[in-house]
PDB file of N, CA and C in Angstrom:
ATOM      1  N   MET A   1       1.151  -0.906  -0.507  1.00  0.00           N
ATOM      2  CA  MET A   1      -0.498   0.144   0.257  1.00  0.00           C
ATOM      3  C   MET A   1       1.440   1.470  -0.479  1.00  0.00           C
ATOM      4  N   ARG A   2       0.526   2.112  -0.686  1.00  0.00           N
ATOM      5  CA  ARG A   2       1.406   3.559  -0.593  1.00  0.00           C
ATOM      6  C   ARG A   2       0.905   4.239   0.385  1.00  0.00           C
ATOM      7  N   LEU A   3       0.429   4.105   1.883  1.00  0.00           N
ATOM      8  CA  LEU A   3       0.011   5.011   2.572  1.00  0.00           C
ATOM      9  C   LEU A   3       1.336   6.238   2.869  1.00  0.00           C
ATOM     10  N   LYS A   4       2.350   5.436   2.836  1.00  0.00           N
ATOM     11  CA  LYS A   4       3.727   5.673   4.179  1.00  0.00           C
ATOM     12  C   LYS A   4       3.889   6.437   2.241  1.00  0.00           C
ATOM     13  N   GLU A   5       4.172   6.366   1.935  1.00  0.00           N
ATOM     14  CA  GLU A   5       4.622   7.437  -0.063  1.00  0.00           C
ATOM     15  C   GLU A   5       4.052   8.253   0.775  1.00  0.00           C
ATOM     16  N   LEU A   6       2.242   8.794   0.252  1.00  0.00           N
ATOM     17  CA  LEU A   6       1.516   9.541   0.155  1.00  0.00           C
ATOM     18  C   LEU A   6       1.452   9.947   1.914  1.00  0.00           C
ATOM     19  N   ARG A   7       2.009   9.160   2.737  1.00  0.00           N
ATOM     20  CA  ARG A   7       1.966  10.185   3.911  1.00  0.00           C
ATOM     21  C   ARG A   7       2.869  11.664   4.170  1.00  0.00           C
ATOM     22  N   GLN A   8       4.212  10.825   3.866  1.00  0.00           N
ATOM     23  CA  GLN A   8       5.787  10.953   3.302  1.00  0.00           C
ATOM     24  C   GLN A   8       5.668  12.470   2.321  1.00  0.00           C
ATOM     25  N   LYS A   9       4.703  12.607   1.544  1.00  0.00           N
ATOM     26  CA  LYS A   9       4.368  13.523   0.368  1.00  0.00           C
ATOM     27  C   LYS A   9       3.719  14.423   0.451  1.00  0.00           C
ATOM     28  N   HIS A  10       3.478  14.510   1.698  1.00  0.00           N
ATOM     29  CA  HIS A  10       2.368  15.278   2.536  1.00  0.00           C
ATOM     30  C   HIS A  10       3.075  15.716   2.856  1.00  0.00           C
ATOM     31  N   ASN A  11       3.558  15.599   4.252  1.00  0.00           N
ATOM     32  CA  ASN A  11       4.656  16.039   4.780  1.00  0.00           C
ATOM     33  C   ASN A  11       3.356  16.034   5.755  1.00  0.00           C
ATOM     34  N   ILE A  12       3.082  14.960   6.603  1.00  0.00           N
ATOM     35  CA  ILE A  12       1.866  14.733   7.372  1.00  0.00           C
ATOM     36  C   ILE A  12       2.626  13.163   7.904  1.00  0.00           C
ATOM     37  N   THR A  13       2.317  13.119   9.703  1.00  0.00           N
ATOM     38  CA  THR A  13       3.108  11.867  10.564  1.00  0.00           C
ATOM     39  C   THR A  13       2.210  11.245  10.444  1.00  0.00           C
ATOM     40  N   GLN A  14       2.115  10.430  11.400  1.00  0.00           N
ATOM     41  CA  GLN A  14       1.744   9.073  11.534  1.00  0.00           C
ATOM     42  C   GLN A  14       0.572   9.703  12.892  1.00  0.00           C
ATOM     43  N   LEU A  15       0.400  10.206  12.989  1.00  0.00           N
ATOM     44  CA  LEU A  15      -0.028  10.942  14.484  1.00  0.00           C
ATOM     45  C   LEU A  15      -0.644  11.751  14.042  1.00  0.00           C
ATOM     46  N   LYS A  16      -0.454  12.756  12.917  1.00  0.00           N
ATOM     47  CA  LYS A  16      -1.699  13.244  12.470  1.00  0.00           C
ATOM     48  C   LYS A  16      -2.630  13.203  11.979  1.00  0.00           C
ATOM     49  N   LEU A  17      -2.314  11.877  11.135  1.00  0.00           N
ATOM     50  CA  LEU A  17      -3.150  11.238  10.633  1.00  0.00           C
ATOM     51  C   LEU A  17      -4.055  10.210  10.847  1.00  0.00           C
ATOM     52  N   ALA A  18      -4.231  10.052  12.300  1.00  0.00           N
ATOM     53  CA  ALA A  18      -4.578   9.001  12.718  1.00  0.00           C
ATOM     54  C   ALA A  18      -4.806  10.235  13.727  1.00  0.00           C
ATOM     55  N   MET A  19      -4.698  11.001  13.486  1.00  0.00           N
ATOM     56  CA  MET A  19      -5.742  11.726  14.523  1.00  0.00           C
ATOM     57  C   MET A  19      -7.073  12.732  14.058  1.00  0.00           C
ATOM     58  N   ASP A  20      -6.576  12.938  12.173  1.00  0.00           N
ATOM     59  CA  ASP A  20      -7.494  13.577  11.885  1.00  0.00           C
ATOM     60  C   ASP A  20      -8.153  12.606  10.749  1.00  0.00           C
ATOM     61  N   LEU A  21      -7.638  10.890  10.939  1.00  0.00           N
ATOM     62  CA  LEU A  21      -9.032  10.011  10.270  1.00  0.00           C
ATOM     63  C   LEU A  21      -9.592   9.767  11.910  1.00  0.00           C
ATOM     64  N   ASN A  22      -9.155   9.715  12.681  1.00  0.00           N
ATOM     65  CA  ASN A  22      -9.892   8.955  14.474  1.00  0.00           C
ATOM     66  C   ASN A  22      -9.288   7.100  14.414  1.00  0.00           C
ATOM     67  N   ILE A  23      -7.897   6.996  13.792  1.00  0.00           N
ATOM     68  CA  ILE A  23      -7.529   5.629  14.509  1.00  0.00           C
ATOM     69  C   ILE A  23      -6.159   6.166  14.704  1.00  0.00           C
ATOM     70  N   SER A  24      -6.004   4.732  15.614  1.00  0.00           N
ATOM     71  CA  SER A  24      -5.410   5.583  16.191  1.00  0.00           C
ATOM     72  C   SER A  24      -3.475   5.223  15.770  1.00  0.00           C
ATOM     73  N   GLN A  25      -2.786   6.201  15.642  1.00  0.00           N
ATOM     74  CA  GLN A  25      -1.569   5.946  15.202  1.00  0.00           C
ATOM     75  C   GLN A  25       0.005   4.521  15.689  1.00  0.00           C
ATOM     76  N   ASN A  26      -1.138   3.766  16.261  1.00  0.00           N
ATOM     77  CA  ASN A  26       0.013   2.389  15.858  1.00  0.00           C
ATOM     78  C   ASN A  26      -0.764   1.369  14.793  1.00  0.00           C
ATOM     79  N   SER A  27      -2.424   1.486  14.717  1.00  0.00           N
ATOM     80  CA  SER A  27      -2.052   1.037  13.162  1.00  0.00           C
ATOM     81  C   SER A  27      -2.516   1.233  12.480  1.00  0.00           C
ATOM     82  N   ILE A  28      -2.229   2.703  12.619  1.00  0.00           N
ATOM     83  CA  ILE A  28      -1.664   3.376  10.345  1.00  0.00           C
ATOM     84  C   ILE A  28      -0.399   2.763  10.764  1.00  0.00           C
ATOM     85  N   SER A  29       0.671   2.506  12.092  1.00  0.00           N
ATOM     86  CA  SER A  29       2.322   2.090  11.929  1.00  0.00           C
ATOM     87  C   SER A  29       1.945   0.781  11.144  1.00  0.00           C
ATOM     88  N   ARG A  30       0.814   0.085  11.515  1.00  0.00           N
ATOM     89  CA  ARG A  30       0.787  -1.818  11.153  1.00  0.00           C
ATOM     90  C   ARG A  30       0.076  -1.521  10.154  1.00  0.00           C
ATOM     91  N   TYR A  31      -0.543  -0.561   9.777  1.00  0.00           N
ATOM     92  CA  TYR A  31      -0.787  -0.850   7.610  1.00  0.00           C
ATOM     93  C   TYR A  31       0.390  -0.019   6.798  1.00  0.00           C
ATOM     94  N   GLU A  32       1.009   0.406   7.266  1.00  0.00           N
ATOM     95  CA  GLU A  32       2.192   0.923   6.615  1.00  0.00           C
ATOM     96  C   GLU A  32       3.445   0.074   6.069  1.00  0.00           C
ATOM     97  N   THR A  33       3.638  -1.338   7.684  1.00  0.00           N
ATOM     98  CA  THR A  33       4.511  -1.901   7.256  1.00  0.00           C
ATOM     99  C   THR A  33       4.403  -3.076   7.165  1.00  0.00           C
ATOM    100  N   GLY A  34       2.439  -3.226   6.688  1.00  0.00           N
ATOM    101  CA  GLY A  34       1.850  -4.448   5.817  1.00  0.00           C
ATOM    102  C   GLY A  34       1.792  -5.146   7.064  1.00  0.00           C
ATOM    103  N   GLU A  35       1.860  -5.073   8.552  1.00  0.00           N
ATOM    104  CA  GLU A  35       1.839  -5.974   9.582  1.00  0.00           C
ATOM    105  C   GLU A  35       0.280  -6.117  10.072  1.00  0.00           C
ATOM    106  N   ARG A  36      -1.317  -5.188   8.609  1.00  0.00           N
ATOM    107  CA  ARG A  36      -2.021  -5.254   9.443  1.00  0.00           C
ATOM    108  C   ARG A  36      -2.795  -4.754   8.159  1.00  0.00           C
ATOM    109  N   GLN A  37      -3.506  -5.261   7.543  1.00  0.00           N
ATOM    110  CA  GLN A  37      -4.795  -4.903   7.051  1.00  0.00           C
ATOM    111  C   GLN A  37      -6.174  -3.927   6.845  1.00  0.00           C
ATOM    112  N   ALA A  38      -6.153  -2.982   6.158  1.00  0.00           N
ATOM    113  CA  ALA A  38      -7.295  -1.875   5.874  1.00  0.00           C
ATOM    114  C   ALA A  38      -8.624  -2.454   5.085  1.00  0.00           C
ATOM    115  N   GLY A  39      -9.331  -2.273   6.186  1.00  0.00           N
ATOM    116  CA  GLY A  39     -11.002  -2.537   5.426  1.00  0.00           C
ATOM    117  C   GLY A  39     -11.357  -1.415   5.131  1.00  0.00           C
ATOM    118  N   TYR A  40     -12.721  -2.140   3.791  1.00  0.00           N
ATOM    119  CA  TYR A  40     -12.405  -1.243   2.864  1.00  0.00           C
ATOM    120  C   TYR A  40     -13.063   0.568   3.637  1.00  0.00           C
ATOM    121  N   GLU A  41     -14.166   0.191   4.740  1.00  0.00           N
ATOM    122  CA  GLU A  41     -14.223   1.846   5.089  1.00  0.00           C
ATOM    123  C   GLU A  41     -12.870   3.089   5.783  1.00  0.00           C
ATOM    124  N   THR A  42     -11.545   1.827   5.693  1.00  0.00           N
ATOM    125  CA  THR A  42     -10.573   2.598   5.955  1.00  0.00           C
ATOM    126  C   THR A  42     -10.043   2.967   4.975  1.00  0.00           C
ATOM    127  N   LEU A  43     -10.249   1.814   3.915  1.00  0.00           N
ATOM    128  CA  LEU A  43      -9.005   2.077   2.738  1.00  0.00           C
ATOM    129  C   LEU A  43      -9.358   3.510   2.198  1.00  0.00           C
ATOM    130  N   ILE A  44     -11.059   3.768   2.240  1.00  0.00           N
ATOM    131  CA  ILE A  44     -11.590   4.766   1.614  1.00  0.00           C
ATOM    132  C   ILE A  44     -10.919   5.997   2.358  1.00  0.00           C
ATOM    133  N   ALA A  45     -10.894   5.619   3.425  1.00  0.00           N
ATOM    134  CA  ALA A  45     -10.982   7.184   4.481  1.00  0.00           C
ATOM    135  C   ALA A  45      -9.450   7.800   4.188  1.00  0.00           C
ATOM    136  N   PHE A  46      -8.489   6.430   3.692  1.00  0.00           N
ATOM    137  CA  PHE A  46      -7.361   7.005   3.130  1.00  0.00           C
ATOM    138  C   PHE A  46      -7.088   7.853   1.640  1.00  0.00           C
ATOM    139  N   ALA A  47      -7.835   7.142   0.633  1.00  0.00           N
ATOM    140  CA  ALA A  47      -7.608   8.083  -0.253  1.00  0.00           C
ATOM    141  C   ALA A  47      -8.474   8.673  -0.212  1.00  0.00           C
ATOM    142  N   ASP A  48     -10.157   9.130   0.168  1.00  0.00           N
ATOM    143  CA  ASP A  48     -10.623  10.605   0.281  1.00  0.00           C
ATOM    144  C   ASP A  48      -9.855  11.769   0.886  1.00  0.00           C
ATOM    145  N   TYR A  49      -9.122  11.489   1.379  1.00  0.00           N
ATOM    146  CA  TYR A  49      -7.889  12.350   3.096  1.00  0.00           C
ATOM    147  C   TYR A  49      -7.006  12.856   1.531  1.00  0.00           C
ATOM    148  N   PHE A  50      -6.054  11.739   0.781  1.00  0.00           N
ATOM    149  CA  PHE A  50      -5.085  12.107  -0.217  1.00  0.00           C
ATOM    150  C   PHE A  50      -5.342  12.788  -1.408  1.00  0.00           C
ATOM    151  N   GLY A  51      -7.198  12.216  -1.690  1.00  0.00           N
ATOM    152  CA  GLY A  51      -7.088  12.339  -2.729  1.00  0.00           C
ATOM    153  C   GLY A  51      -7.548  11.964  -3.859  1.00  0.00           C
ATOM    154  N   VAL A  52      -7.212  10.477  -3.486  1.00  0.00           N
ATOM    155  CA  VAL A  52      -6.799   9.410  -4.613  1.00  0.00           C
ATOM    156  C   VAL A  52      -8.064   8.833  -5.092  1.00  0.00           C
ATOM    157  N   SER A  53      -6.857   7.232  -5.959  1.00  0.00           N
ATOM    158  CA  SER A  53      -7.677   6.409  -5.562  1.00  0.00           C
ATOM    159  C   SER A  53      -7.868   5.280  -5.076  1.00  0.00           C
ATOM    160  N   VAL A  54      -8.958   4.232  -4.571  1.00  0.00           N
ATOM    161  CA  VAL A  54      -8.143   2.788  -3.421  1.00  0.00           C
ATOM    162  C   VAL A  54      -7.113   2.243  -4.095  1.00  0.00           C
ATOM    163  N   ASP A  55      -7.616   2.302  -5.759  1.00  0.00           N
ATOM    164  CA  ASP A  55      -6.576   1.715  -6.143  1.00  0.00           C
ATOM    165  C   ASP A  55      -5.333   1.768  -6.945  1.00  0.00           C
ATOM    166  N   TYR A  56      -4.968   3.116  -6.416  1.00  0.00           N
ATOM    167  CA  TYR A  56      -3.980   3.830  -6.622  1.00  0.00           C
ATOM    168  C   TYR A  56      -3.127   3.601  -5.082  1.00  0.00           C
ATOM    169  N   LEU A  57      -3.868   4.048  -3.819  1.00  0.00           N
ATOM    170  CA  LEU A  57      -3.444   3.775  -2.529  1.00  0.00           C
ATOM    171  C   LEU A  57      -2.687   1.784  -2.481  1.00  0.00           C
ATOM    172  N   LEU A  58      -3.711   1.570  -3.448  1.00  0.00           N
ATOM    173  CA  LEU A  58      -3.412   0.114  -2.920  1.00  0.00           C
ATOM    174  C   LEU A  58      -2.368  -0.507  -4.138  1.00  0.00           C
ATOM    175  N   GLU A  59      -1.879  -0.418  -5.411  1.00  0.00           N
ATOM    176  CA  GLU A  59      -1.310   0.083  -6.571  1.00  0.00           C
ATOM    177  C   GLU A  59      -1.608  -0.705  -7.257  1.00  0.00           C
ATOM    178  N   ARG A  60      -2.890  -0.565  -7.524  1.00  0.00           N
ATOM    179  CA  ARG A  60      -3.299  -1.468  -8.651  1.00  0.00           C
ATOM    180  C   ARG A  60      -3.337  -0.750 -10.105  1.00  0.00           C
ATOM    181  N   THR A  61      -2.170   0.552  -9.750  1.00  0.00           N
ATOM    182  CA  THR A  61      -3.119   1.192 -10.811  1.00  0.00           C
ATOM    183  C   THR A  61      -1.179   2.549 -10.558  1.00  0.00           C
ATOM    184  N   ASP A  62      -0.677   3.206 -11.489  1.00  0.00           N
ATOM    185  CA  ASP A  62       0.502   4.315 -11.304  1.00  0.00           C
ATOM    186  C   ASP A  62      -0.009   6.276 -11.339  1.00  0.00           C
ATOM    187  N   ASN A  63      -2.013   5.684 -10.879  1.00  0.00           N
ATOM    188  CA  ASN A  63      -2.495   7.189 -12.130  1.00  0.00           C
ATOM    189  C   ASN A  63      -3.587   6.797 -10.777  1.00  0.00           C
ATOM    190  N   PRO A  64      -2.798   7.422  -9.849  1.00  0.00           N
ATOM    191  CA  PRO A  64      -3.849   8.112  -8.080  1.00  0.00           C
ATOM    192  C   PRO A  64      -5.029   9.104  -8.245  1.00  0.00           C
ATOM    193  N   ALA A  65      -5.379   9.693 -10.037  1.00  0.00           N
ATOM    194  CA  ALA A  65      -7.094   9.958  -9.855  1.00  0.00           C
ATOM    195  C   ALA A  65      -7.442   9.183 -10.257  1.00  0.00           C
ATOM    196  N   PHE A  66      -9.102   9.568 -10.273  1.00  0.00           N
ATOM    197  CA  PHE A  66     -10.672   8.728  -9.307  1.00  0.00           C
ATOM    198  C   PHE A  66     -10.832   9.350 -11.380  1.00  0.00           C
ATOM    199  N   LEU A  67     -11.111   7.625 -11.562  1.00  0.00           N
ATOM    200  CA  LEU A  67     -11.559   6.935 -13.008  1.00  0.00           C
ATOM    201  C   LEU A  67     -13.602   7.807 -13.108  1.00  0.00           C
ATOM    202  N   LYS A  68     -13.692   7.951 -13.413  1.00  0.00           N
ATOM    203  CA  LYS A  68     -15.234   8.858 -12.888  1.00  0.00           C
ATOM    204  C   LYS A  68     -15.875   8.296 -14.343  1.00  0.00           C
ATOM    205  N   GLU A  69     -16.893   8.053 -14.809  1.00  0.00           N
ATOM    206  CA  GLU A  69     -17.495   6.863 -15.895  1.00  0.00           C
ATOM    207  C   GLU A  69     -18.782   8.448 -16.287  1.00  0.00           C
TER     208      GLU A  69
END
């Protein structure tokens, strides 16, 4: 998952991200290291927060934009 990459690109600490999304900092750390997998609601929250698609977040595409039909 590109969570750490996005977080660092936006100069956001794990603690700030955790506080903004009401998730524990420990969970953020585990998502970033792959020790834990985020559920779909959390994935959507991350994608919305960074303005990218869930597919981009999950490394299924290199295009961060949402695909609109």
